[in-house]
Amino acid sequence: QKLCERPSGTWSGVCGNNNACKNQCIRLEKARHGSCNYVFPAHKCICYFPC
């Protein structure tokens, strides 16, 4: 199943912790996965949802 990325709607500030971002995406936003990705000008928490 293909996953589409979308910036987290609940994360604020710079993303420095992949696990925290992933857990928040899964728990709060019902995403499949999450990770810190560099989006200029900083690392953002990106959630991955089924497309």
PDB file of N, CA and C in Angstrom:
ATOM      1  N   GLN A   1       0.840  -1.198   0.000  1.00  0.00           N
ATOM      2  CA  GLN A   1       0.000   0.000   0.000  1.00  0.00           C
ATOM      3  C   GLN A   1       0.877   1.251   0.000  1.00  0.00           C
ATOM      4  N   LYS A   2       0.546   2.154  -0.884  1.00  0.00           N
ATOM      5  CA  LYS A   2       1.345   3.370  -1.017  1.00  0.00           C
ATOM      6  C   LYS A   2       1.009   4.343   0.105  1.00  0.00           C
ATOM      7  N   LEU A   3       2.043   4.997   0.630  1.00  0.00           N
ATOM      8  CA  LEU A   3       1.836   5.995   1.675  1.00  0.00           C
ATOM      9  C   LEU A   3       2.159   7.382   1.139  1.00  0.00           C
ATOM     10  N   CYS A   4       1.329   8.336   1.510  1.00  0.00           N
ATOM     11  CA  CYS A   4       1.549   9.718   1.118  1.00  0.00           C
ATOM     12  C   CYS A   4       1.949  10.515   2.345  1.00  0.00           C
ATOM     13  N   GLU A   5       2.895  11.419   2.163  1.00  0.00           N
ATOM     14  CA  GLU A   5       3.351  12.185   3.317  1.00  0.00           C
ATOM     15  C   GLU A   5       2.602  13.489   3.453  1.00  0.00           C
ATOM     16  N   ARG A   6       2.411  13.861   4.708  1.00  0.00           N
ATOM     17  CA  ARG A   6       1.727  15.111   5.015  1.00  0.00           C
ATOM     18  C   ARG A   6       2.333  15.635   6.311  1.00  0.00           C
ATOM     19  N   PRO A   7       2.616  16.933   6.370  1.00  0.00           N
ATOM     20  CA  PRO A   7       3.170  17.471   7.621  1.00  0.00           C
ATOM     21  C   PRO A   7       2.216  17.215   8.784  1.00  0.00           C
ATOM     22  N   SER A   8       2.767  16.916   9.933  1.00  0.00           N
ATOM     23  CA  SER A   8       1.944  16.685  11.114  1.00  0.00           C
ATOM     24  C   SER A   8       1.135  17.922  11.458  1.00  0.00           C
ATOM     25  N   GLY A   9      -0.119  17.697  11.807  1.00  0.00           N
ATOM     26  CA  GLY A   9      -0.980  18.810  12.191  1.00  0.00           C
ATOM     27  C   GLY A   9      -0.913  19.098  13.681  1.00  0.00           C
ATOM     28  N   THR A  10      -0.270  18.200  14.444  1.00  0.00           N
ATOM     29  CA  THR A  10      -0.251  18.374  15.894  1.00  0.00           C
ATOM     30  C   THR A  10       1.141  18.682  16.426  1.00  0.00           C
ATOM     31  N   TRP A  11       2.152  18.536  15.607  1.00  0.00           N
ATOM     32  CA  TRP A  11       3.526  18.773  16.039  1.00  0.00           C
ATOM     33  C   TRP A  11       3.860  20.241  15.851  1.00  0.00           C
ATOM     34  N   SER A  12       4.486  20.841  16.869  1.00  0.00           N
ATOM     35  CA  SER A  12       4.922  22.225  16.699  1.00  0.00           C
ATOM     36  C   SER A  12       6.417  22.322  16.917  1.00  0.00           C
ATOM     37  N   GLY A  13       7.054  23.177  16.172  1.00  0.00           N
ATOM     38  CA  GLY A  13       8.485  23.384  16.326  1.00  0.00           C
ATOM     39  C   GLY A  13       9.321  22.400  15.534  1.00  0.00           C
ATOM     40  N   VAL A  14      10.620  22.436  15.808  1.00  0.00           N
ATOM     41  CA  VAL A  14      11.576  21.599  15.090  1.00  0.00           C
ATOM     42  C   VAL A  14      11.432  20.144  15.519  1.00  0.00           C
ATOM     43  N   CYS A  15      11.599  19.248  14.572  1.00  0.00           N
ATOM     44  CA  CYS A  15      11.512  17.819  14.853  1.00  0.00           C
ATOM     45  C   CYS A  15      12.911  17.275  15.085  1.00  0.00           C
ATOM     46  N   GLY A  16      13.184  16.817  16.306  1.00  0.00           N
ATOM     47  CA  GLY A  16      14.497  16.274  16.600  1.00  0.00           C
ATOM     48  C   GLY A  16      14.442  14.847  17.094  1.00  0.00           C
ATOM     49  N   ASN A  17      13.257  14.259  17.097  1.00  0.00           N
ATOM     50  CA  ASN A  17      13.103  12.922  17.657  1.00  0.00           C
ATOM     51  C   ASN A  17      12.150  12.102  16.784  1.00  0.00           C
ATOM     52  N   ASN A  18      12.729  11.208  15.974  1.00  0.00           N
ATOM     53  CA  ASN A  18      11.923  10.399  15.059  1.00  0.00           C
ATOM     54  C   ASN A  18      10.853   9.591  15.772  1.00  0.00           C
ATOM     55  N   ASN A  19      11.222   8.993  16.917  1.00  0.00           N
ATOM     56  CA  ASN A  19      10.261   8.157  17.628  1.00  0.00           C
ATOM     57  C   ASN A  19       9.083   8.949  18.150  1.00  0.00           C
ATOM     58  N   ALA A  20       9.362  10.113  18.716  1.00  0.00           N
ATOM     59  CA  ALA A  20       8.284  10.948  19.250  1.00  0.00           C
ATOM     60  C   ALA A  20       7.364  11.392  18.123  1.00  0.00           C
ATOM     61  N   CYS A  21       7.956  11.757  17.013  1.00  0.00           N
ATOM     62  CA  CYS A  21       7.170  12.184  15.852  1.00  0.00           C
ATOM     63  C   CYS A  21       6.312  11.027  15.352  1.00  0.00           C
ATOM     64  N   LYS A  22       6.920   9.855  15.217  1.00  0.00           N
ATOM     65  CA  LYS A  22       6.195   8.680  14.735  1.00  0.00           C
ATOM     66  C   LYS A  22       5.031   8.347  15.661  1.00  0.00           C
ATOM     67  N   ASN A  23       5.315   8.308  16.971  1.00  0.00           N
ATOM     68  CA  ASN A  23       4.264   7.971  17.930  1.00  0.00           C
ATOM     69  C   ASN A  23       3.121   8.967  17.884  1.00  0.00           C
ATOM     70  N   GLN A  24       3.461  10.247  17.754  1.00  0.00           N
ATOM     71  CA  GLN A  24       2.426  11.272  17.729  1.00  0.00           C
ATOM     72  C   GLN A  24       1.586  11.157  16.459  1.00  0.00           C
ATOM     73  N   CYS A  25       2.234  10.905  15.331  1.00  0.00           N
ATOM     74  CA  CYS A  25       1.507  10.724  14.072  1.00  0.00           C
ATOM     75  C   CYS A  25       0.534   9.549  14.183  1.00  0.00           C
ATOM     76  N   ILE A  26       1.023   8.450  14.727  1.00  0.00           N
ATOM     77  CA  ILE A  26       0.199   7.243  14.816  1.00  0.00           C
ATOM     78  C   ILE A  26      -0.920   7.427  15.833  1.00  0.00           C
ATOM     79  N   ARG A  27      -0.563   7.961  17.006  1.00  0.00           N
ATOM     80  CA  ARG A  27      -1.529   8.054  18.087  1.00  0.00           C
ATOM     81  C   ARG A  27      -2.556   9.159  17.863  1.00  0.00           C
ATOM     82  N   LEU A  28      -2.079  10.352  17.542  1.00  0.00           N
ATOM     83  CA  LEU A  28      -2.985  11.496  17.474  1.00  0.00           C
ATOM     84  C   LEU A  28      -3.603  11.699  16.101  1.00  0.00           C
ATOM     85  N   GLU A  29      -2.911  11.279  15.056  1.00  0.00           N
ATOM     86  CA  GLU A  29      -3.391  11.589  13.710  1.00  0.00           C
ATOM     87  C   GLU A  29      -3.769  10.354  12.909  1.00  0.00           C
ATOM     88  N   LYS A  30      -3.711   9.177  13.561  1.00  0.00           N
ATOM     89  CA  LYS A  30      -4.105   7.930  12.909  1.00  0.00           C
ATOM     90  C   LYS A  30      -3.313   7.660  11.635  1.00  0.00           C
ATOM     91  N   ALA A  31      -2.050   8.079  11.645  1.00  0.00           N
ATOM     92  CA  ALA A  31      -1.193   7.822  10.487  1.00  0.00           C
ATOM     93  C   ALA A  31      -0.582   6.433  10.605  1.00  0.00           C
ATOM     94  N   ARG A  32       0.067   5.970   9.534  1.00  0.00           N
ATOM     95  CA  ARG A  32       0.737   4.689   9.542  1.00  0.00           C
ATOM     96  C   ARG A  32       2.128   4.799  10.126  1.00  0.00           C
ATOM     97  N   HIS A  33       2.741   5.974   9.916  1.00  0.00           N
ATOM     98  CA  HIS A  33       4.162   6.117  10.200  1.00  0.00           C
ATOM     99  C   HIS A  33       4.463   7.604  10.315  1.00  0.00           C
ATOM    100  N   GLY A  34       5.633   7.916  10.819  1.00  0.00           N
ATOM    101  CA  GLY A  34       6.039   9.319  10.880  1.00  0.00           C
ATOM    102  C   GLY A  34       7.534   9.412  11.060  1.00  0.00           C
ATOM    103  N   SER A  35       8.116  10.488  10.594  1.00  0.00           N
ATOM    104  CA  SER A  35       9.545  10.708  10.797  1.00  0.00           C
ATOM    105  C   SER A  35       9.881  12.179  10.615  1.00  0.00           C
ATOM    106  N   CYS A  36      11.075  12.543  11.113  1.00  0.00           N
ATOM    107  CA  CYS A  36      11.550  13.912  10.949  1.00  0.00           C
ATOM    108  C   CYS A  36      12.179  14.039   9.572  1.00  0.00           C
ATOM    109  N   ASN A  37      11.644  14.911   8.761  1.00  0.00           N
ATOM    110  CA  ASN A  37      12.204  15.157   7.433  1.00  0.00           C
ATOM    111  C   ASN A  37      12.618  16.611   7.323  1.00  0.00           C
ATOM    112  N   TYR A  38      13.701  16.836   6.594  1.00  0.00           N
ATOM    113  CA  TYR A  38      14.136  18.215   6.428  1.00  0.00           C
ATOM    114  C   TYR A  38      13.265  18.906   5.388  1.00  0.00           C
ATOM    115  N   VAL A  39      12.548  19.924   5.851  1.00  0.00           N
ATOM    116  CA  VAL A  39      11.764  20.763   4.953  1.00  0.00           C
ATOM    117  C   VAL A  39      12.245  22.179   5.215  1.00  0.00           C
ATOM    118  N   PHE A  40      12.851  22.805   4.238  1.00  0.00           N
ATOM    119  CA  PHE A  40      13.471  24.111   4.441  1.00  0.00           C
ATOM    120  C   PHE A  40      12.517  25.031   5.192  1.00  0.00           C
ATOM    121  N   PRO A  41      12.935  25.673   6.271  1.00  0.00           N
ATOM    122  CA  PRO A  41      14.317  25.800   6.748  1.00  0.00           C
ATOM    123  C   PRO A  41      14.636  24.923   7.958  1.00  0.00           C
ATOM    124  N   ALA A  42      13.852  23.917   8.261  1.00  0.00           N
ATOM    125  CA  ALA A  42      14.098  23.134   9.475  1.00  0.00           C
ATOM    126  C   ALA A  42      13.548  21.721   9.320  1.00  0.00           C
ATOM    127  N   HIS A  43      13.868  20.862  10.306  1.00  0.00           N
ATOM    128  CA  HIS A  43      13.286  19.521  10.319  1.00  0.00           C
ATOM    129  C   HIS A  43      11.844  19.601  10.799  1.00  0.00           C
ATOM    130  N   LYS A  44      10.954  18.970  10.056  1.00  0.00           N
ATOM    131  CA  LYS A  44       9.546  18.953  10.418  1.00  0.00           C
ATOM    132  C   LYS A  44       9.107  17.518  10.655  1.00  0.00           C
ATOM    133  N   CYS A  45       8.073  17.379  11.462  1.00  0.00           N
ATOM    134  CA  CYS A  45       7.496  16.056  11.697  1.00  0.00           C
ATOM    135  C   CYS A  45       6.525  15.762  10.561  1.00  0.00           C
ATOM    136  N   ILE A  46       6.831  14.738   9.785  1.00  0.00           N
ATOM    137  CA  ILE A  46       6.012  14.363   8.641  1.00  0.00           C
ATOM    138  C   ILE A  46       5.294  13.051   8.944  1.00  0.00           C
ATOM    139  N   CYS A  47       3.989  13.037   8.740  1.00  0.00           N
ATOM    140  CA  CYS A  47       3.202  11.820   8.950  1.00  0.00           C
ATOM    141  C   CYS A  47       2.922  11.154   7.605  1.00  0.00           C
ATOM    142  N   TYR A  48       2.837   9.840   7.622  1.00  0.00           N
ATOM    143  CA  TYR A  48       2.566   9.085   6.399  1.00  0.00           C
ATOM    144  C   TYR A  48       1.208   8.400   6.500  1.00  0.00           C
ATOM    145  N   PHE A  49       0.357   8.697   5.544  1.00  0.00           N
ATOM    146  CA  PHE A  49      -1.000   8.154   5.511  1.00  0.00           C
ATOM    147  C   PHE A  49      -1.190   7.302   4.264  1.00  0.00           C
ATOM    148  N   PRO A  50      -2.099   6.320   4.329  1.00  0.00           N
ATOM    149  CA  PRO A  50      -2.467   5.607   3.095  1.00  0.00           C
ATOM    150  C   PRO A  50      -3.028   6.624   2.105  1.00  0.00           C
ATOM    151  N   CYS A  51      -2.581   6.537   0.870  1.00  0.00           N
ATOM    152  CA  CYS A  51      -3.017   7.518  -0.131  1.00  0.00           C
ATOM    153  C   CYS A  51      -4.486   7.326  -0.507  1.00  0.00           C
TER     154      CYS A  51
END
